[in-house]
C-alpha atoms as a PDB file:
ATOM      1  CA  MET A   1       6.254   1.092  25.003  1.00  0.00           C
ATOM      2  CA  LEU A   2       2.694   2.340  25.536  1.00  0.00           C
ATOM      3  CA  LEU A   3       1.122  -0.529  23.585  1.00  0.00           C
ATOM      4  CA  ILE A   4       2.810  -3.084  25.826  1.00  0.00           C
ATOM      5  CA  ARG A   5       1.698  -1.211  28.927  1.00  0.00           C
ATOM      6  CA  LEU A   6      -1.851  -1.320  27.597  1.00  0.00           C
ATOM      7  CA  GLY A   7      -1.549  -5.090  27.463  1.00  0.00           C
ATOM      8  CA  LEU A   8      -1.662  -5.417  23.687  1.00  0.00           C
ATOM      9  CA  THR A   9       0.009  -8.445  22.141  1.00  0.00           C
ATOM     10  CA  PRO A  10       1.774  -8.299  18.749  1.00  0.00           C
ATOM     11  CA  ASN A  11      -1.139 -10.195  17.189  1.00  0.00           C
ATOM     12  CA  ALA A  12      -3.596  -7.675  18.631  1.00  0.00           C
ATOM     13  CA  VAL A  13      -1.590  -4.798  17.162  1.00  0.00           C
ATOM     14  CA  THR A  14      -1.544  -6.569  13.791  1.00  0.00           C
ATOM     15  CA  PHE A  15      -5.314  -7.104  13.953  1.00  0.00           C
ATOM     16  CA  ILE A  16      -5.888  -3.424  14.774  1.00  0.00           C
ATOM     17  CA  GLY A  17      -3.903  -2.559  11.659  1.00  0.00           C
ATOM     18  CA  LEU A  18      -6.212  -4.801   9.630  1.00  0.00           C
ATOM     19  CA  LEU A  19      -9.315  -3.134  11.087  1.00  0.00           C
ATOM     20  CA  LEU A  20      -7.927   0.307  10.260  1.00  0.00           C
ATOM     21  CA  ASN A  21      -7.355  -0.764   6.653  1.00  0.00           C
ATOM     22  CA  VAL A  22     -10.949  -1.994   6.534  1.00  0.00           C
ATOM     23  CA  GLY A  23     -11.843   1.528   7.668  1.00  0.00           C
ATOM     24  CA  VAL A  24      -9.763   2.953   4.813  1.00  0.00           C
ATOM     25  CA  ALA A  25     -11.635   0.819   2.301  1.00  0.00           C
ATOM     26  CA  PHE A  26     -14.942   1.896   3.857  1.00  0.00           C
ATOM     27  CA  ILE A  27     -14.020   5.583   3.460  1.00  0.00           C
ATOM     28  CA  PHE A  28     -13.158   5.052  -0.199  1.00  0.00           C
ATOM     29  CA  VAL A  29     -16.382   3.125  -0.848  1.00  0.00           C
ATOM     30  CA  PHE A  30     -18.462   5.689   1.062  1.00  0.00           C
ATOM     31  CA  GLY A  31     -16.772   8.483  -0.898  1.00  0.00           C
ATOM     32  CA  ALA A  32     -17.541   6.677  -4.123  1.00  0.00           C
ATOM     33  CA  GLU A  33     -21.213   6.339  -3.262  1.00  0.00           C
ATOM     34  CA  GLU A  34     -21.908   9.610  -1.461  1.00  0.00           C
ATOM     35  CA  GLY A  35     -19.318  12.021  -2.860  1.00  0.00           C
ATOM     36  CA  ASN A  36     -18.859  13.467  -6.314  1.00  0.00           C
ATOM     37  CA  ARG A  37     -15.873  13.526  -8.654  1.00  0.00           C
ATOM     38  CA  GLY A  38     -14.682  16.902  -7.396  1.00  0.00           C
ATOM     39  CA  ASP A  39     -15.074  16.124  -3.700  1.00  0.00           C
ATOM     40  CA  LEU A  40     -11.691  14.739  -2.659  1.00  0.00           C
ATOM     41  CA  ARG A  41     -12.127  15.042   1.098  1.00  0.00           C
ATOM     42  CA  PHE A  42     -12.724  11.312   1.327  1.00  0.00           C
ATOM     43  CA  VAL A  43      -9.408  10.639  -0.441  1.00  0.00           C
ATOM     44  CA  GLY A  44      -7.638  12.856   2.076  1.00  0.00           C
ATOM     45  CA  TRP A  45      -9.188  11.211   5.117  1.00  0.00           C
ATOM     46  CA  ALA A  46      -8.510   7.763   3.681  1.00  0.00           C
ATOM     47  CA  GLY A  47      -4.872   8.700   3.131  1.00  0.00           C
ATOM     48  CA  PHE A  48      -4.528   9.895   6.711  1.00  0.00           C
ATOM     49  CA  LEU A  49      -5.965   6.603   7.998  1.00  0.00           C
ATOM     50  CA  VAL A  50      -3.622   4.630   5.706  1.00  0.00           C
ATOM     51  CA  LEU A  51      -0.666   6.197   7.522  1.00  0.00           C
ATOM     52  CA  ILE A  52      -2.147   5.418  10.939  1.00  0.00           C
ATOM     53  CA  ALA A  53      -2.832   1.820   9.881  1.00  0.00           C
ATOM     54  CA  GLY A  54       0.693   1.557   8.503  1.00  0.00           C
ATOM     55  CA  LEU A  55       2.053   2.675  11.853  1.00  0.00           C
ATOM     56  CA  PHE A  56       0.323  -0.246  13.550  1.00  0.00           C
ATOM     57  CA  ASP A  57       1.600  -2.600  10.850  1.00  0.00           C
ATOM     58  CA  MET A  58       5.152  -1.533  11.667  1.00  0.00           C
ATOM     59  CA  LEU A  59       4.780  -1.503  15.457  1.00  0.00           C
ATOM     60  CA  ASP A  60       3.730  -5.124  15.870  1.00  0.00           C
ATOM     61  CA  GLY A  61       7.288  -6.303  15.326  1.00  0.00           C
ATOM     62  CA  GLN A  62       8.617  -3.873  17.924  1.00  0.00           C
ATOM     63  CA  VAL A  63       5.987  -4.994  20.422  1.00  0.00           C
ATOM     64  CA  ALA A  64       7.076  -8.593  19.846  1.00  0.00           C
ATOM     65  CA  ARG A  65      10.753  -7.768  20.380  1.00  0.00           C
ATOM     66  CA  LEU A  66      10.433  -5.366  23.313  1.00  0.00           C
ATOM     67  CA  GLY A  67       7.798  -7.484  25.041  1.00  0.00           C
ATOM     68  CA  ASN A  68       9.696 -10.715  24.381  1.00  0.00           C
ATOM     69  CA  MET A  69       6.625 -12.130  22.655  1.00  0.00           C
ATOM     70  CA  LYS A  70       8.148 -13.421  19.422  1.00  0.00           C
ATOM     71  CA  SER A  71       6.645 -16.572  17.978  1.00  0.00           C
ATOM     72  CA  ALA A  72       6.628 -18.419  14.661  1.00  0.00           C
ATOM     73  CA  PHE A  73       2.858 -18.181  14.457  1.00  0.00           C
ATOM     74  CA  GLY A  74       3.024 -14.456  15.202  1.00  0.00           C
ATOM     75  CA  ALA A  75       5.302 -13.952  12.193  1.00  0.00           C
ATOM     76  CA  LEU A  76       2.907 -15.965  10.015  1.00  0.00           C
ATOM     77  CA  PHE A  77      -0.130 -14.121  11.413  1.00  0.00           C
ATOM     78  CA  ASP A  78       1.546 -10.785  10.655  1.00  0.00           C
ATOM     79  CA  SER A  79       2.366 -11.752   7.067  1.00  0.00           C
ATOM     80  CA  VAL A  80      -1.119 -13.094   6.338  1.00  0.00           C
ATOM     81  CA  LEU A  81      -2.943 -10.096   7.807  1.00  0.00           C
ATOM     82  CA  ASP A  82      -0.601  -7.695   6.003  1.00  0.00           C
ATOM     83  CA  ARG A  83      -1.664  -9.272   2.712  1.00  0.00           C
ATOM     84  CA  TYR A  84      -5.328  -9.018   3.670  1.00  0.00           C
ATOM     85  CA  SER A  85      -4.817  -5.385   4.689  1.00  0.00           C
ATOM     86  CA  GLU A  86      -3.235  -4.518   1.369  1.00  0.00           C
ATOM     87  CA  LEU A  87      -5.860  -6.345  -0.675  1.00  0.00           C
ATOM     88  CA  ILE A  88      -8.702  -4.652   1.201  1.00  0.00           C
ATOM     89  CA  LEU A  89      -6.999  -1.262   0.852  1.00  0.00           C
ATOM     90  CA  PHE A  90      -6.599  -1.593  -2.910  1.00  0.00           C
ATOM     91  CA  LEU A  91     -10.188  -2.851  -3.176  1.00  0.00           C
ATOM     92  CA  GLY A  92     -11.342   0.470  -1.744  1.00  0.00           C
ATOM     93  CA  VAL A  93      -9.007   2.456  -4.006  1.00  0.00           C
ATOM     94  CA  CYS A  94     -10.133   0.642  -7.155  1.00  0.00           C
ATOM     95  CA  TYR A  95     -13.800   0.967  -6.188  1.00  0.00           C
ATOM     96  CA  TYR A  96     -13.416   4.721  -5.719  1.00  0.00           C
ATOM     97  CA  LEU A  97     -11.535   5.244  -8.978  1.00  0.00           C
ATOM     98  CA  ILE A  98     -13.968   3.187 -11.037  1.00  0.00           C
ATOM     99  CA  ALA A  99     -17.006   4.836  -9.445  1.00  0.00           C
ATOM    100  CA  HIS A 100     -15.698   8.285 -10.410  1.00  0.00           C
ATOM    101  CA  HIS A 101     -14.641   7.168 -13.904  1.00  0.00           C
ATOM    102  CA  TYR A 102     -10.867   7.190 -13.426  1.00  0.00           C
ATOM    103  CA  PHE A 103     -10.678   3.985 -15.446  1.00  0.00           C
ATOM    104  CA  LEU A 104      -7.006   4.215 -16.488  1.00  0.00           C
ATOM    105  CA  SER A 105      -5.970   5.006 -12.920  1.00  0.00           C
ATOM    106  CA  SER A 106      -8.030   2.075 -11.626  1.00  0.00           C
ATOM    107  CA  LEU A 107      -6.095  -0.161 -14.041  1.00  0.00           C
ATOM    108  CA  PHE A 108      -2.803   1.149 -12.663  1.00  0.00           C
ATOM    109  CA  ALA A 109      -4.087   0.564  -9.131  1.00  0.00           C
ATOM    110  CA  PHE A 110      -4.851  -3.052 -10.007  1.00  0.00           C
ATOM    111  CA  ILE A 111      -1.401  -3.484 -11.564  1.00  0.00           C
ATOM    112  CA  ALA A 112       0.106  -1.949  -8.424  1.00  0.00           C
ATOM    113  CA  LEU A 113      -1.833  -4.502  -6.381  1.00  0.00           C
ATOM    114  CA  ILE A 114      -0.430  -7.329  -8.509  1.00  0.00           C
ATOM    115  CA  GLY A 115       3.086  -5.972  -8.076  1.00  0.00           C
ATOM    116  CA  SER A 116       2.625  -5.553  -4.327  1.00  0.00           C
ATOM    117  CA  MET A 117       1.491  -9.150  -3.928  1.00  0.00           C
ATOM    118  CA  MET A 118       4.343 -10.455  -6.072  1.00  0.00           C
ATOM    119  CA  VAL A 119       6.948  -8.486  -4.115  1.00  0.00           C
ATOM    120  CA  SER A 120       5.781 -10.263  -0.979  1.00  0.00           C
ATOM    121  CA  TYR A 121       5.318 -13.641  -2.677  1.00  0.00           C
ATOM    122  CA  THR A 122       8.779 -13.770  -4.265  1.00  0.00           C
ATOM    123  CA  ARG A 123      10.353 -13.057  -0.879  1.00  0.00           C
ATOM    124  CA  ALA A 124       8.232 -15.661   0.905  1.00  0.00           C
ATOM    125  CA  ARG A 125       8.833 -18.295  -1.773  1.00  0.00           C
ATOM    126  CA  ALA A 126      12.572 -17.623  -1.827  1.00  0.00           C
ATOM    127  CA  GLU A 127      12.757 -17.871   1.965  1.00  0.00           C
ATOM    128  CA  GLY A 128      11.030 -21.254   1.672  1.00  0.00           C
ATOM    129  CA  LEU A 129      13.966 -22.298  -0.533  1.00  0.00           C
ATOM    130  CA  GLY A 130      16.493 -20.995   1.944  1.00  0.00           C
ATOM    131  CA  ILE A 131      17.198 -17.660   0.226  1.00  0.00           C
ATOM    132  CA  GLU A 132      16.696 -14.332   2.000  1.00  0.00           C
ATOM    133  CA  LEU A 133      15.486 -11.451  -0.186  1.00  0.00           C
ATOM    134  CA  LYS A 134      15.054  -7.882   1.013  1.00  0.00           C
ATOM    135  CA  GLY A 135      16.008  -5.808  -2.007  1.00  0.00           C
ATOM    136  CA  GLY A 136      13.918  -3.388  -4.035  1.00  0.00           C
ATOM    137  CA  VAL A 137      12.658   0.158  -3.778  1.00  0.00           C
ATOM    138  CA  MET A 138       8.960  -0.520  -3.196  1.00  0.00           C
ATOM    139  CA  GLN A 139       8.599  -2.754  -0.177  1.00  0.00           C
ATOM    140  CA  ARG A 140       5.569  -2.589   2.118  1.00  0.00           C
ATOM    141  CA  PRO A 141       6.650   0.427   4.212  1.00  0.00           C
ATOM    142  CA  GLU A 142       7.371   2.423   1.055  1.00  0.00           C
ATOM    143  CA  ARG A 143       4.028   1.427  -0.450  1.00  0.00           C
ATOM    144  CA  VAL A 144       2.163   2.533   2.679  1.00  0.00           C
ATOM    145  CA  VAL A 145       3.967   5.883   2.736  1.00  0.00           C
ATOM    146  CA  VAL A 146       3.419   6.537  -0.990  1.00  0.00           C
ATOM    147  CA  LEU A 147      -0.291   5.671  -0.902  1.00  0.00           C
ATOM    148  CA  GLY A 148      -0.980   7.407   2.399  1.00  0.00           C
ATOM    149  CA  THR A 149       0.910  10.651   1.763  1.00  0.00           C
ATOM    150  CA  SER A 150      -0.304  11.042  -1.829  1.00  0.00           C
ATOM    151  CA  ALA A 151      -3.957  10.499  -0.850  1.00  0.00           C
ATOM    152  CA  TRP A 152      -3.657  12.811   2.153  1.00  0.00           C
ATOM    153  CA  ALA A 153      -1.907  15.489   0.078  1.00  0.00           C
ATOM    154  CA  CYS A 154      -4.582  15.159  -2.611  1.00  0.00           C
ATOM    155  CA  GLY A 155      -7.331  15.847  -0.091  1.00  0.00           C
ATOM    156  CA  ILE A 156      -5.505  18.799   1.473  1.00  0.00           C
ATOM    157  CA  VAL A 157      -4.569  20.444  -1.829  1.00  0.00           C
ATOM    158  CA  SER A 158      -8.157  20.093  -3.069  1.00  0.00           C
ATOM    159  CA  LEU A 159      -9.246  22.412  -0.261  1.00  0.00           C
ATOM    160  CA  TYR A 160      -7.130  25.199  -1.770  1.00  0.00           C
ATOM    161  CA  ILE A 161      -7.298  24.712  -5.549  1.00  0.00           C
ATOM    162  CA  GLY A 162     -10.538  22.752  -5.756  1.00  0.00           C
ATOM    163  CA  GLY A 163     -11.138  19.102  -6.462  1.00  0.00           C
ATOM    164  CA  ASP A 164     -11.970  19.699 -10.116  1.00  0.00           C
ATOM    165  CA  TYR A 165      -8.914  21.828 -11.004  1.00  0.00           C
ATOM    166  CA  LYS A 166      -7.438  21.010 -14.418  1.00  0.00           C
ATOM    167  CA  LEU A 167      -4.245  22.253 -16.052  1.00  0.00           C
ATOM    168  CA  PHE A 168      -4.261  22.700 -19.821  1.00  0.00           C
ATOM    169  CA  VAL A 169      -1.273  23.306 -22.081  1.00  0.00           C
ATOM    170  CA  PRO A 170      -1.750  25.301 -25.299  1.00  0.00           C
ATOM    171  CA  GLY A 171      -1.858  22.985 -28.272  1.00  0.00           C
ATOM    172  CA  ILE A 172      -2.971  19.961 -26.278  1.00  0.00           C
ATOM    173  CA  LYS A 173      -6.689  19.215 -26.352  1.00  0.00           C
ATOM    174  CA  PHE A 174      -6.846  17.382 -23.030  1.00  0.00           C
ATOM    175  CA  HIS A 175      -5.673  18.459 -19.585  1.00  0.00           C
ATOM    176  CA  VAL A 176      -2.198  17.325 -18.512  1.00  0.00           C
ATOM    177  CA  PHE A 177      -2.840  17.548 -14.778  1.00  0.00           C
ATOM    178  CA  GLU A 178      -5.750  17.659 -12.352  1.00  0.00           C
ATOM    179  CA  THR A 179      -6.077  17.658  -8.584  1.00  0.00           C
ATOM    180  CA  MET A 180      -6.671  13.917  -8.513  1.00  0.00           C
ATOM    181  CA  SER A 181      -3.311  13.434 -10.253  1.00  0.00           C
ATOM    182  CA  ILE A 182      -1.637  14.046  -6.889  1.00  0.00           C
ATOM    183  CA  PHE A 183      -3.019  10.635  -5.920  1.00  0.00           C
ATOM    184  CA  THR A 184      -3.142   8.796  -9.229  1.00  0.00           C
ATOM    185  CA  ILE A 185       0.351   9.599 -10.559  1.00  0.00           C
ATOM    186  CA  PRO A 186       2.063   7.991  -7.513  1.00  0.00           C
ATOM    187  CA  ILE A 187      -0.192   4.944  -8.013  1.00  0.00           C
ATOM    188  CA  ALA A 188       1.008   4.661 -11.616  1.00  0.00           C
ATOM    189  CA  ILE A 189       4.622   4.941 -10.458  1.00  0.00           C
ATOM    190  CA  MET A 190       3.942   2.305  -7.822  1.00  0.00           C
ATOM    191  CA  ALA A 191       2.478  -0.005 -10.470  1.00  0.00           C
ATOM    192  CA  ILE A 192       5.782   0.123 -12.333  1.00  0.00           C
ATOM    193  CA  LEU A 193       8.169  -0.015  -9.379  1.00  0.00           C
ATOM    194  CA  THR A 194       6.435  -2.838  -7.500  1.00  0.00           C
ATOM    195  CA  ASN A 195       6.613  -5.125 -10.513  1.00  0.00           C
ATOM    196  CA  LEU A 196      10.225  -4.131 -11.177  1.00  0.00           C
ATOM    197  CA  THR A 197      10.985  -4.914  -7.530  1.00  0.00           C
ATOM    198  CA  ALA A 198       9.356  -8.339  -7.855  1.00  0.00           C
ATOM    199  CA  LEU A 199      11.365  -8.995 -11.030  1.00  0.00           C
ATOM    200  CA  ARG A 200      14.598  -7.912  -9.354  1.00  0.00           C
ATOM    201  CA  ARG A 201      13.931 -10.216  -6.423  1.00  0.00           C
ATOM    202  CA  LEU A 202      13.263 -13.069  -8.825  1.00  0.00           C
ATOM    203  CA  LEU A 203      16.583 -12.476 -10.591  1.00  0.00           C
ATOM    204  CA  ASP A 204      18.418 -12.146  -7.260  1.00  0.00           C
ATOM    205  CA  ALA A 205      16.871 -15.419  -6.121  1.00  0.00           C
ATOM    206  CA  LYS A 206      17.951 -17.090  -9.370  1.00  0.00           C
ATOM    207  CA  LYS A 207      21.571 -16.024  -8.825  1.00  0.00           C
ATOM    208  CA  ALA A 208      21.515 -17.087  -5.181  1.00  0.00           C
ATOM    209  CA  LEU A 209      19.991 -20.483  -5.976  1.00  0.00           C
ATOM    210  CA  GLU A 210      22.470 -21.127  -8.789  1.00  0.00           C
ATOM    211  CA  ALA A 211      25.337 -20.225  -6.463  1.00  0.00           C
ATOM    212  CA  LYS A 212      23.918 -22.495  -3.774  1.00  0.00           C
ATOM    213  CA  GLU A 213      23.516 -25.400  -6.198  1.00  0.00           C
ATOM    214  CA  SER A 214      27.058 -24.974  -7.530  1.00  0.00           C
ATOM    215  CA  GLN A 215      28.429 -25.411  -3.991  1.00  0.00           C
ATOM    216  CA  GLN A 216      26.674 -28.739  -3.510  1.00  0.00           C
END
């Protein structure tokens, strides 16, 4: 693998992923301060960088395996920095949405952040009790892909239909869709699915623990 040939350790790859997510947050904050509500180029560029950062987040494990550099601390370092990366990423998203008055969407983004943290926490806590949990439809790779592709698509589509495009339906006083919806609707879906995933993991852990206790 190229990263191994370059002399990068798994921890270095993980740290690069963190730095890239800091860059994502910076783009969102810069877009909030310097851009306007209809200028979605910053959302697009941020989405593209989310996918690049996610690639590094997923490659650190392969570097550890292929380079025979697995370690207990490396696994802990990866988990901790992944949480920091996600928190920083959502900080940028929420800042951007609030700055451009997408208040309901910013609320969904915060709920999605809560769900994302609880998905990871329930797994970590269950593993501490000797139970392995990997179920659910909105684990970290899925969250990265949903956020990255939706933001990137939002920026690209805005170049063709405009960042302030709104779709109205006769009889309804407010618009039912706008360009930004390409980014905000997936966030709302993520807010629901991440928390459902955390709940499912909690129930799965309950069944596993009860079964384990009944065998003792």
